[in-house]
C-alpha cells in the first residue's frame, strides 16, 4: 500500500511547493523564505524528538555528519537556487528542470551505488529527458532571463542528486526521525548563512506569505521529504527519484489553476512523454 500511495502523495506535495513559493516570494526574499522554511522544520523535528523521548544514539559514529551533509545538499542547495530562479521563470519550468534529477541520479547511482537498470528503465529515462527537453529547450532559446533562471534551477538539481546519492550510500540505516532532525538542522544552518551572506533579506508578513511559508514547511519539507527519505530507504535511488518526472505536469496544472500561468500544448506534450518515462523507470521487474 505504501509503495503505491507514497509516490503519488509526494508528487502532489512537491508540486504544490512551487505554487506556494511563488505566492510567498511576493513578500519574502528567496533565501530568507528557504531559511524560514527549513528552520521551522528543524524546530518541529527536534521538539518531536524531545516529546517522544527518542534517542540520539542512532546518530553516533559520525552518522550525524553524514545525515547533515545529505540534508544540506537535498534541502538547502536543492531549494535555495531554484527559489531565486522562481523570480525569473514560471513555476512549471522550474519544476521541469528538476525533472532532470532522475536521469543524473540513475547514471551516478549505477556507478557509485552499483544499482542496476533494465533496458526498459533506460528507455524511460530517455523519454523523461525528451519530455523535459521539449519545454526547457524552447524556454532557454526564447529568453536570456529565463535561461538564467533555468541555470539556477539546475544548480538545485545538482543538490538534489548529490543529496540523494549521499543518503543512499551513508544514511539508509539511520531511523527516520533522528536522521531527518539532523538533516534539517544542517540545512537550516546552511540556508540561514546563505540568506545572511548572499542577499539583503526582505520580509513583509502578510496572511499569504505566512500561509505559503507554513505550507512549504509542514506539508512539503516535513511531509514530502520524510516521504522521500522513506521511499529511498525502501527502493533504489533511480526508482525513487523517477517520481520527479511527474512533478512538472502537476506543477503546471496547479500553477494554471491557482496562479493563472499558461499551460501550452508543448507543456502538455512534455508532461505526457515524461510521465511515460516515469512509469517505465518505476515499473517493477516481472517474476
Protein backbone atom coordinates (compact mmCIF):
# COMPACT_ATOMS: atom_id res chain seq x y z
CA UNK A 1 0.00 0.00 0.00
CA UNK A 2 2.80 2.41 0.96
CA UNK A 3 4.66 1.77 -2.31
CA UNK A 4 1.57 2.86 -4.29
CA UNK A 5 0.32 5.81 -2.24
CA UNK A 6 3.59 7.43 -1.15
CA UNK A 7 4.87 8.37 -4.66
CA UNK A 8 1.55 9.96 -5.63
CA UNK A 9 1.35 11.93 -2.40
CA UNK A 10 4.97 13.01 -2.74
CA UNK A 11 4.38 14.28 -6.28
CA UNK A 12 1.34 16.29 -5.21
CA UNK A 13 3.11 17.83 -2.20
CA UNK A 14 6.33 18.62 -4.08
CA UNK A 15 4.40 20.14 -6.99
CA UNK A 16 2.40 22.37 -4.67
CA UNK A 17 5.61 23.82 -3.24
CA UNK A 18 6.31 25.73 -6.47
CA UNK A 19 2.92 27.43 -6.33
CA UNK A 20 3.24 28.23 -2.62
CA UNK A 21 6.74 29.59 -3.17
CA UNK A 22 5.51 31.89 -5.96
CA UNK A 23 2.94 33.30 -3.53
CA UNK A 24 5.44 33.68 -0.68
CA UNK A 25 8.15 35.29 -2.80
CA UNK A 26 5.91 38.29 -3.43
CA UNK A 27 6.62 39.38 0.15
CA UNK A 28 9.77 37.42 1.15
CA UNK A 29 13.24 37.35 -0.36
CA UNK A 30 14.01 33.87 -1.74
CA UNK A 31 16.87 32.75 0.52
CA UNK A 32 15.10 34.06 3.61
CA UNK A 33 12.00 32.15 2.54
CA UNK A 34 14.03 28.94 2.36
CA UNK A 35 15.76 29.64 5.68
CA UNK A 36 12.45 30.21 7.47
CA UNK A 37 11.04 27.04 5.91
CA UNK A 38 13.97 24.84 6.94
CA UNK A 39 14.37 26.39 10.39
CA UNK A 40 10.70 25.66 11.06
CA UNK A 41 11.24 22.04 10.04
CA UNK A 42 14.25 21.72 12.33
CA UNK A 43 12.34 23.14 15.30
CA UNK A 44 9.40 20.78 14.77
CA UNK A 45 11.61 17.71 14.41
CA UNK A 46 13.80 18.47 17.43
CA UNK A 47 10.68 19.17 19.53
CA UNK A 48 9.20 15.86 18.36
CA UNK A 49 12.39 14.04 19.37
CA UNK A 50 12.19 15.59 22.86
CA UNK A 51 8.47 14.99 23.35
CA UNK A 52 8.68 11.36 22.23
CA UNK A 53 11.94 10.90 24.16
CA UNK A 54 13.64 9.40 21.15
CA UNK A 55 17.31 8.59 21.47
CA UNK A 56 20.00 10.42 19.51
CA UNK A 57 22.21 7.33 19.68
CA UNK A 58 21.48 6.23 16.09
CA UNK A 59 23.45 9.31 15.00
CA UNK A 60 26.65 8.19 16.74
CA UNK A 61 29.84 7.20 14.91
CA UNK A 62 29.68 10.25 12.65
CA UNK A 63 26.26 9.32 11.28
CA UNK A 64 25.05 12.77 12.34
CA UNK A 65 27.61 14.28 9.97
CA UNK A 66 26.52 12.04 7.09
CA UNK A 67 22.87 12.98 7.67
CA UNK A 68 23.84 16.64 7.88
CA UNK A 69 25.69 16.55 4.56
CA UNK A 70 22.78 14.78 2.87
CA UNK A 71 20.28 17.23 4.36
CA UNK A 72 22.27 20.31 3.40
CA UNK A 73 22.51 19.07 -0.19
CA UNK A 74 18.90 17.94 -0.51
CA UNK A 75 17.16 20.74 1.31
CA UNK A 76 19.46 23.79 1.33
CA UNK A 77 21.24 23.65 -2.03
CA UNK A 78 18.28 21.86 -3.59
CA UNK A 79 15.96 24.74 -2.65
CA UNK A 80 17.99 27.95 -2.48
CA UNK A 81 18.97 28.31 -6.14
CA UNK A 82 15.55 27.30 -7.55
CA UNK A 83 13.81 29.81 -5.29
CA UNK A 84 15.94 32.57 -6.80
CA UNK A 85 15.08 31.16 -10.21
CA UNK A 86 11.38 31.40 -9.42
CA UNK A 87 11.74 35.19 -9.59
CA UNK A 88 12.73 34.84 -13.26
CA UNK A 89 10.89 31.79 -14.62
CA UNK A 90 7.35 30.37 -14.34
CA UNK A 91 6.88 27.70 -11.68
CA UNK A 92 6.20 24.92 -14.19
CA UNK A 93 9.52 25.47 -15.98
CA UNK A 94 11.50 25.34 -12.73
CA UNK A 95 9.72 22.07 -12.00
CA UNK A 96 10.62 20.79 -15.45
CA UNK A 97 14.32 21.37 -14.88
CA UNK A 98 14.11 19.45 -11.62
CA UNK A 99 12.87 16.51 -13.65
CA UNK A 100 16.48 16.07 -14.73
CA UNK A 101 17.07 14.68 -11.22
CA UNK A 102 16.14 11.08 -12.16
CA UNK A 103 18.47 10.93 -15.15
CA UNK A 104 21.53 12.14 -13.24
CA UNK A 105 20.61 10.07 -10.19
CA UNK A 106 20.24 6.90 -12.27
CA UNK A 107 23.50 7.43 -14.14
CA UNK A 108 25.50 8.15 -11.00
CA UNK A 109 23.62 5.51 -9.00
CA UNK A 110 24.83 2.83 -11.41
CA UNK A 111 28.42 3.97 -10.96
CA UNK A 112 28.52 4.89 -7.27
CA UNK A 113 25.84 2.70 -5.65
CA UNK A 114 26.13 -0.28 -8.02
CA UNK A 115 22.44 -0.16 -8.82
CA UNK A 116 21.17 -1.88 -11.95
CA UNK A 117 18.66 -0.68 -14.54
CA UNK A 118 16.86 -2.81 -17.06
CA UNK A 119 16.58 -1.76 -20.74
CA UNK A 120 13.01 -0.53 -20.29
CA UNK A 121 14.17 1.70 -17.43
CA UNK A 122 16.88 3.22 -19.62
CA UNK A 123 14.18 3.84 -22.23
CA UNK A 124 12.09 5.51 -19.54
CA UNK A 125 14.97 7.78 -18.59
CA UNK A 126 15.41 8.76 -22.23
CA UNK A 127 11.69 9.54 -22.58
CA UNK A 128 11.78 11.61 -19.42
CA UNK A 129 14.73 13.56 -20.74
CA UNK A 130 12.91 14.16 -24.02
CA UNK A 131 9.80 15.38 -22.21
CA UNK A 132 11.84 17.86 -20.21
CA UNK A 133 13.73 18.99 -23.30
CA UNK A 134 10.53 19.82 -25.18
CA UNK A 135 9.78 22.67 -22.81
CA UNK A 136 13.11 23.62 -21.27
CA UNK A 137 14.93 23.83 -24.59
CA UNK A 138 12.32 26.17 -26.04
CA UNK A 139 12.34 28.36 -22.93
CA UNK A 140 16.14 28.62 -22.94
CA UNK A 141 16.16 29.82 -26.56
CA UNK A 142 13.28 32.21 -26.00
CA UNK A 143 14.75 34.48 -23.30
CA UNK A 144 18.20 35.07 -21.68
CA UNK A 145 16.45 35.88 -18.41
CA UNK A 146 14.59 32.59 -18.44
CA UNK A 147 17.81 30.79 -19.30
CA UNK A 148 19.46 32.28 -16.18
CA UNK A 149 16.52 31.10 -14.10
CA UNK A 150 16.82 27.60 -15.57
CA UNK A 151 20.54 27.51 -14.77
CA UNK A 152 19.72 28.30 -11.14
CA UNK A 153 17.13 25.53 -11.17
CA UNK A 154 19.79 23.12 -12.47
CA UNK A 155 22.05 24.02 -9.54
CA UNK A 156 19.20 22.86 -7.35
CA UNK A 157 19.09 19.61 -9.35
CA UNK A 158 22.76 19.03 -8.57
CA UNK A 159 22.00 19.47 -4.87
CA UNK A 160 19.11 17.01 -5.04
CA UNK A 161 21.17 14.43 -6.92
CA UNK A 162 24.17 14.74 -4.60
CA UNK A 163 21.97 14.53 -1.51
CA UNK A 164 20.02 11.56 -2.86
CA UNK A 165 23.14 9.55 -3.66
CA UNK A 166 24.87 10.51 -0.41
CA UNK A 167 21.79 9.48 1.55
CA UNK A 168 21.63 6.18 -0.31
CA UNK A 169 25.27 5.47 0.45
CA UNK A 170 25.59 6.54 4.09
CA UNK A 171 22.19 7.16 5.73
CA UNK A 172 19.84 4.29 4.90
CA UNK A 173 20.39 2.58 8.25
CA UNK A 174 19.51 5.67 10.33
CA UNK A 175 15.96 5.75 11.80
CA UNK A 176 13.75 8.30 10.07
CA UNK A 177 13.10 10.79 12.90
CA UNK A 178 16.64 11.39 14.23
CA UNK A 179 18.00 11.25 10.70
CA UNK A 180 15.52 13.88 9.49
CA UNK A 181 16.26 16.09 12.51
CA UNK A 182 19.97 16.05 11.72
CA UNK A 183 19.29 16.72 8.05
CA UNK A 184 17.10 19.76 8.68
CA UNK A 185 19.34 21.23 11.38
CA UNK A 186 22.22 21.25 8.91
CA UNK A 187 20.02 22.53 6.06
CA UNK A 188 18.65 25.35 8.23
CA UNK A 189 22.17 26.44 9.18
CA UNK A 190 23.35 26.47 5.55
CA UNK A 191 20.30 28.34 4.27
CA UNK A 192 20.47 30.90 7.09
CA UNK A 193 24.13 31.55 6.23
CA UNK A 194 23.14 31.91 2.58
CA UNK A 195 20.41 34.43 3.38
CA UNK A 196 22.82 36.41 5.55
CA UNK A 197 25.71 36.45 3.07
CA UNK A 198 24.13 36.35 -0.39
CA UNK A 199 21.11 38.66 -0.22
CA UNK A 200 19.54 41.56 1.61
CA UNK A 201 16.72 39.81 3.49
CA UNK A 202 13.25 41.25 2.87
CA UNK A 203 10.10 40.20 4.72
CA UNK A 204 6.55 41.52 4.82
CA UNK A 205 4.48 39.13 6.93
CA UNK A 206 1.05 39.02 5.35
CA UNK A 207 -1.55 36.26 5.54
CA UNK A 208 -0.42 34.91 2.16
CA UNK A 209 3.30 34.90 2.99
CA UNK A 210 2.72 33.22 6.36
CA UNK A 211 0.45 30.63 4.76
CA UNK A 212 2.96 29.93 1.99
CA UNK A 213 5.82 29.51 4.46
CA UNK A 214 3.72 27.30 6.73
CA UNK A 215 2.57 25.07 3.86
CA UNK A 216 6.07 24.58 2.48
CA UNK A 217 7.43 23.96 5.97
CA UNK A 218 4.88 21.50 7.33
CA UNK A 219 3.44 19.81 4.27
CA UNK A 220 6.28 19.89 1.74
CA UNK A 221 9.58 19.90 3.62
CA UNK A 222 8.41 17.80 6.58
CA UNK A 223 5.78 15.65 4.90
CA UNK A 224 7.27 15.47 1.41
CA UNK A 225 10.93 14.96 2.33
CA UNK A 226 10.10 12.42 5.04
CA UNK A 227 8.17 10.50 2.38
CA UNK A 228 11.14 10.84 0.04
CA UNK A 229 13.55 9.53 2.69
CA UNK A 230 11.23 6.64 3.50
CA UNK A 231 10.97 5.73 -0.19
CA UNK A 232 14.75 5.91 -0.55
CA UNK A 233 15.12 3.51 2.37
CA UNK A 234 12.81 1.01 0.62
CA UNK A 235 13.94 1.31 -3.01
CA UNK A 236 16.75 2.31 -5.35
CA UNK A 237 17.76 5.92 -5.90
CA UNK A 238 16.77 5.74 -9.58
CA UNK A 239 13.25 4.43 -8.95
CA UNK A 240 12.55 6.91 -6.17
CA UNK A 241 13.88 9.97 -8.00
CA UNK A 242 11.88 8.97 -11.10
CA UNK A 243 8.83 10.44 -9.36
CA UNK A 244 10.22 13.89 -10.21
CA UNK A 245 9.15 13.24 -13.81
CA UNK A 246 5.53 13.66 -12.72
CA UNK A 247 6.15 16.92 -10.87
CA UNK A 248 6.31 19.35 -13.85
CA UNK A 249 2.92 18.45 -15.26
CA UNK A 250 1.32 18.54 -11.84
CA UNK A 251 3.01 21.85 -11.01
CA UNK A 252 1.96 23.27 -14.39
CA UNK A 253 -1.66 22.32 -13.76
CA UNK A 254 -1.62 23.80 -10.22
CA UNK A 255 0.07 27.00 -11.47
CA UNK A 256 -2.54 27.30 -14.23
CA UNK A 257 -5.44 26.68 -11.85
CA UNK A 258 -4.23 28.78 -8.91
CA UNK A 259 -1.87 31.42 -10.38
CA UNK A 260 -3.16 31.79 -13.92
CA UNK A 261 0.14 30.71 -15.53
CA UNK A 262 -0.28 29.45 -19.09
CA UNK A 263 -0.43 25.74 -19.88
CA UNK A 264 0.64 25.37 -23.51
CA UNK A 265 0.28 22.44 -25.86
CA UNK A 266 4.06 21.98 -25.66
CA UNK A 267 3.86 21.70 -21.86
CA UNK A 268 1.12 19.08 -22.15
CA UNK A 269 3.20 17.10 -24.67
CA UNK A 270 6.21 17.25 -22.36
CA UNK A 271 4.06 16.03 -19.48
CA UNK A 272 2.78 13.03 -21.46
CA UNK A 273 6.24 11.96 -22.62
CA UNK A 274 7.83 12.47 -19.19
CA UNK A 275 5.01 10.59 -17.46
CA UNK A 276 5.56 7.62 -19.75
CA UNK A 277 9.22 7.69 -18.82
CA UNK A 278 8.38 7.76 -15.12
CA UNK A 279 6.16 4.70 -15.49
CA UNK A 280 8.91 2.76 -17.25
CA UNK A 281 11.60 3.67 -14.72
CA UNK A 282 9.40 2.92 -11.71
CA UNK A 283 7.87 -0.33 -13.00
CA UNK A 284 8.92 -3.49 -11.16
CA UNK A 285 10.50 -6.39 -12.93
CA UNK A 286 8.35 -9.38 -13.72
CA UNK A 287 8.76 -12.56 -11.72
